[in-house]
Amino acid sequence: MKYFKHDTAIIDEGAQIGMDSRVWHWAHICSNAVIGQGVSLGQNVFVGNKVTIGDKCKIQNNVSVYDNVHLEEGVFCGPSMVFTNVYNPRSLVERKDEYRDTLVKKGATLGANCTVVCGIEIGEYAFIGAGTVVNKNVKPYALMVGVPAKQIGWMSEFGEKLDLPLTGNTETRCPHTGACYRLVNNDVHRIS
């Protein structure tokens, strides 16, 4: 076996799990899931059939990654955060053919107990604060908090808050790494 599986974990036949990944206590991986290399799936994590999880993602305890959720490389899912895949669920109405895709781009952080409503895209290196409810697309590098989510700043790839206004045309450096970020037309880009 090229990955670690705890004795209590259930991995359905056909699931693809990359080298050096770790599947911890009571996790359940469905048969058509595709999981990259170096991924950590914490205790009581569920991964649905129509899910892709990129290399080096960390899914903390008690997270369910439902069908039609796709995580690119290096996404962090904090403890007990929530994904949805049906916008208007009802127990008495079958809606499996109405799943909406959710894409979380490279390096994004989804804080503990946040909720991501289906059908949106979260940009590269965005940072969603603990307890936040995200119901709209999120720009790359955006720092989002609240219910519903509101942008309050920008974050570096290292996870440090950048000294940038929400709008305008300016640049700054990450206080930890010194990497340079430029704000142009209300979008942030790393330039060095």
Protein backbone atom coordinates (compact mmCIF):
# COMPACT_ATOMS: atom_id res chain seq x y z
CA MET A 1 0.00 0.00 0.00
CA LYS A 2 1.43 3.38 -1.01
CA TYR A 3 -0.56 5.35 1.60
CA PHE A 4 -1.42 5.00 5.29
CA LYS A 5 -4.89 3.76 6.27
CA HIS A 6 -5.99 3.54 9.89
CA ASP A 7 -7.64 0.21 10.79
CA THR A 8 -11.03 1.87 11.35
CA ALA A 9 -11.05 3.73 8.01
CA ILE A 10 -13.25 2.48 5.15
CA ILE A 11 -11.93 2.82 1.62
CA ASP A 12 -14.34 1.53 -1.02
CA GLU A 13 -12.90 -0.51 -3.87
CA GLY A 14 -11.97 1.70 -6.80
CA ALA A 15 -11.03 4.82 -4.83
CA GLN A 16 -7.77 6.34 -6.02
CA ILE A 17 -5.45 7.55 -3.27
CA GLY A 18 -2.01 9.00 -3.97
CA MET A 19 1.31 8.05 -2.47
CA ASP A 20 2.13 9.24 1.05
CA SER A 21 -1.47 10.18 1.84
CA ARG A 22 -2.91 9.43 5.28
CA VAL A 23 -6.46 8.30 6.02
CA TRP A 24 -7.20 8.49 9.73
CA HIS A 25 -9.78 7.09 12.21
CA TRP A 26 -13.32 6.43 10.98
CA ALA A 27 -12.82 8.11 7.61
CA HIS A 28 -14.88 6.82 4.64
CA ILE A 29 -13.70 7.21 1.05
CA CYS A 30 -16.20 6.30 -1.68
CA SER A 31 -15.28 4.20 -4.71
CA ASN A 32 -14.92 6.90 -7.38
CA ALA A 33 -13.08 9.49 -5.29
CA VAL A 34 -9.73 10.70 -6.63
CA ILE A 35 -7.26 11.82 -3.95
CA GLY A 36 -3.78 13.15 -4.70
CA GLN A 37 -0.40 12.59 -3.10
CA GLY A 38 0.54 13.68 0.40
CA VAL A 39 -3.08 14.32 1.44
CA SER A 40 -4.15 14.09 5.09
CA LEU A 41 -7.75 13.06 5.82
CA GLY A 42 -8.51 13.47 9.51
CA GLN A 43 -10.81 11.57 11.83
CA ASN A 44 -14.41 11.09 10.64
CA VAL A 45 -13.82 12.58 7.17
CA PHE A 46 -16.21 11.52 4.39
CA VAL A 47 -15.24 11.77 0.71
CA GLY A 48 -17.98 11.24 -1.90
CA ASN A 49 -17.83 9.53 -5.29
CA LYS A 50 -17.65 12.60 -7.54
CA VAL A 51 -14.86 14.33 -5.63
CA THR A 52 -11.30 15.27 -6.53
CA ILE A 53 -8.77 16.28 -3.91
CA GLY A 54 -5.42 17.65 -5.10
CA ASP A 55 -1.94 16.92 -3.79
CA LYS A 56 -0.98 18.09 -0.30
CA CYS A 57 -4.51 18.99 0.84
CA LYS A 58 -5.30 18.78 4.56
CA ILE A 59 -8.86 17.87 5.50
CA GLN A 60 -9.25 18.15 9.27
CA ASN A 61 -11.60 16.15 11.52
CA ASN A 62 -15.36 15.92 10.88
CA VAL A 63 -15.42 17.28 7.31
CA SER A 64 -17.66 15.79 4.60
CA VAL A 65 -16.48 16.44 1.04
CA TYR A 66 -19.67 15.71 -0.89
CA ASP A 67 -20.13 14.91 -4.58
CA ASN A 68 -19.24 17.70 -7.03
CA VAL A 69 -16.70 19.32 -4.70
CA HIS A 70 -13.25 19.70 -6.22
CA LEU A 71 -10.16 20.83 -4.29
CA GLU A 72 -6.99 21.84 -6.09
CA GLU A 73 -3.48 21.41 -4.64
CA GLY A 74 -2.75 22.52 -1.10
CA VAL A 75 -6.27 23.34 0.11
CA PHE A 76 -6.75 23.41 3.89
CA CYS A 77 -10.19 22.44 5.27
CA GLY A 78 -10.45 23.29 8.97
CA PRO A 79 -12.19 21.12 11.56
CA SER A 80 -15.94 20.66 11.09
CA MET A 81 -16.20 23.00 8.09
CA VAL A 82 -19.13 22.21 5.76
CA PHE A 83 -19.57 21.77 2.02
CA THR A 84 -23.01 21.53 0.42
CA ASN A 85 -23.93 20.22 -3.03
CA VAL A 86 -27.66 20.95 -3.35
CA TYR A 87 -28.79 24.57 -3.17
CA ASN A 88 -32.35 23.92 -1.96
CA PRO A 89 -32.45 20.47 -0.31
CA ARG A 90 -35.66 18.76 0.82
CA SER A 91 -35.96 15.26 2.23
CA LEU A 92 -39.14 14.66 0.21
CA VAL A 93 -37.72 15.89 -3.12
CA GLU A 94 -35.02 13.92 -4.97
CA ARG A 95 -32.38 16.36 -6.22
CA LYS A 96 -29.29 14.20 -6.95
CA ASP A 97 -29.42 15.40 -10.56
CA GLU A 98 -29.20 19.03 -9.34
CA TYR A 99 -25.80 18.89 -7.61
CA ARG A 100 -23.83 22.09 -8.16
CA ASP A 101 -20.07 22.09 -8.63
CA THR A 102 -17.86 23.78 -6.07
CA LEU A 103 -14.22 24.51 -6.91
CA VAL A 104 -11.64 25.48 -4.32
CA LYS A 105 -8.47 26.68 -6.00
CA LYS A 106 -4.83 26.07 -5.09
CA GLY A 107 -3.67 27.02 -1.61
CA ALA A 108 -7.01 28.27 -0.25
CA THR A 109 -7.80 27.99 3.47
CA LEU A 110 -11.30 27.19 4.72
CA GLY A 111 -11.42 27.93 8.45
CA ALA A 112 -12.97 25.80 11.18
CA ASN A 113 -16.77 25.60 11.12
CA CYS A 114 -17.13 27.69 7.96
CA THR A 115 -19.83 26.75 5.44
CA VAL A 116 -19.35 26.77 1.67
CA VAL A 117 -22.67 26.92 -0.20
CA CYS A 118 -22.52 24.91 -3.42
CA GLY A 119 -22.04 26.27 -6.91
CA ILE A 120 -19.21 28.71 -6.23
CA GLU A 121 -15.48 29.09 -6.81
CA ILE A 122 -12.99 30.07 -4.13
CA GLY A 123 -9.88 31.64 -5.65
CA GLU A 124 -6.23 30.75 -5.19
CA TYR A 125 -4.87 31.39 -1.72
CA ALA A 126 -8.14 32.89 -0.49
CA PHE A 127 -8.60 32.72 3.27
CA ILE A 128 -12.04 31.99 4.73
CA GLY A 129 -12.24 32.80 8.45
CA ALA A 130 -13.65 30.43 11.05
CA GLY A 131 -17.46 30.33 11.13
CA THR A 132 -17.86 32.24 7.85
CA VAL A 133 -20.71 31.40 5.45
CA VAL A 134 -19.58 31.68 1.82
CA ASN A 135 -22.42 31.92 -0.71
CA LYS A 136 -20.68 33.75 -3.60
CA ASN A 137 -17.45 33.42 -5.57
CA VAL A 138 -14.32 34.53 -3.72
CA LYS A 139 -11.40 36.33 -5.40
CA PRO A 140 -7.84 34.98 -5.22
CA TYR A 141 -6.02 36.10 -2.05
CA ALA A 142 -9.22 37.52 -0.51
CA LEU A 143 -9.72 37.41 3.27
CA MET A 144 -13.39 36.68 3.99
CA VAL A 145 -15.27 36.67 7.31
CA GLY A 146 -18.83 36.85 8.56
CA VAL A 147 -22.34 35.68 7.78
CA PRO A 148 -22.69 36.08 4.88
CA ALA A 149 -19.01 36.34 3.94
CA LYS A 150 -17.61 39.83 3.46
CA GLN A 151 -14.13 40.66 2.24
CA ILE A 152 -12.08 42.51 4.86
CA GLY A 153 -8.61 42.26 3.33
CA TRP A 154 -6.05 40.30 1.34
CA MET A 155 -3.76 37.41 2.34
CA SER A 156 -0.34 36.32 1.13
CA GLU A 157 0.42 32.81 -0.08
CA PHE A 158 2.17 32.31 3.28
CA GLY A 159 -1.06 33.13 5.16
CA GLU A 160 -0.15 36.62 6.38
CA LYS A 161 -2.51 39.58 6.07
CA LEU A 162 -1.28 42.00 3.42
CA ASP A 163 -1.18 45.76 3.97
CA LEU A 164 -3.42 46.55 1.01
CA PRO A 165 -6.73 48.41 0.71
CA LEU A 166 -9.70 46.52 -0.70
CA THR A 167 -9.62 48.62 -3.89
CA GLY A 168 -7.14 50.73 -5.77
CA ASN A 169 -3.78 50.29 -7.44
CA THR A 170 -0.82 49.71 -5.16
CA GLU A 171 1.59 47.01 -3.99
CA THR A 172 3.07 45.61 -0.79
CA ARG A 173 5.25 42.78 0.48
CA CYS A 174 4.36 39.76 2.61
CA PRO A 175 5.56 40.60 6.14
CA HIS A 176 7.00 37.09 6.52
CA THR A 177 8.49 36.11 3.15
CA GLY A 178 9.04 39.47 1.45
CA ALA A 179 7.16 38.33 -1.68
CA CYS A 180 5.63 41.27 -3.55
CA TYR A 181 1.89 41.54 -4.24
CA ARG A 182 0.22 44.07 -6.50
CA LEU A 183 -3.38 45.30 -6.28
CA VAL A 184 -4.66 46.37 -9.71
CA ASN A 185 -8.32 47.01 -10.54
CA ASN A 186 -9.50 45.32 -7.32
CA ASP A 187 -7.55 42.09 -7.91
CA VAL A 188 -4.32 40.96 -6.22
CA HIS A 189 -1.48 39.21 -8.03
CA ARG A 190 1.85 37.97 -6.72
CA ILE A 191 4.58 39.58 -8.81
CA SER A 192 7.76 38.18 -7.17
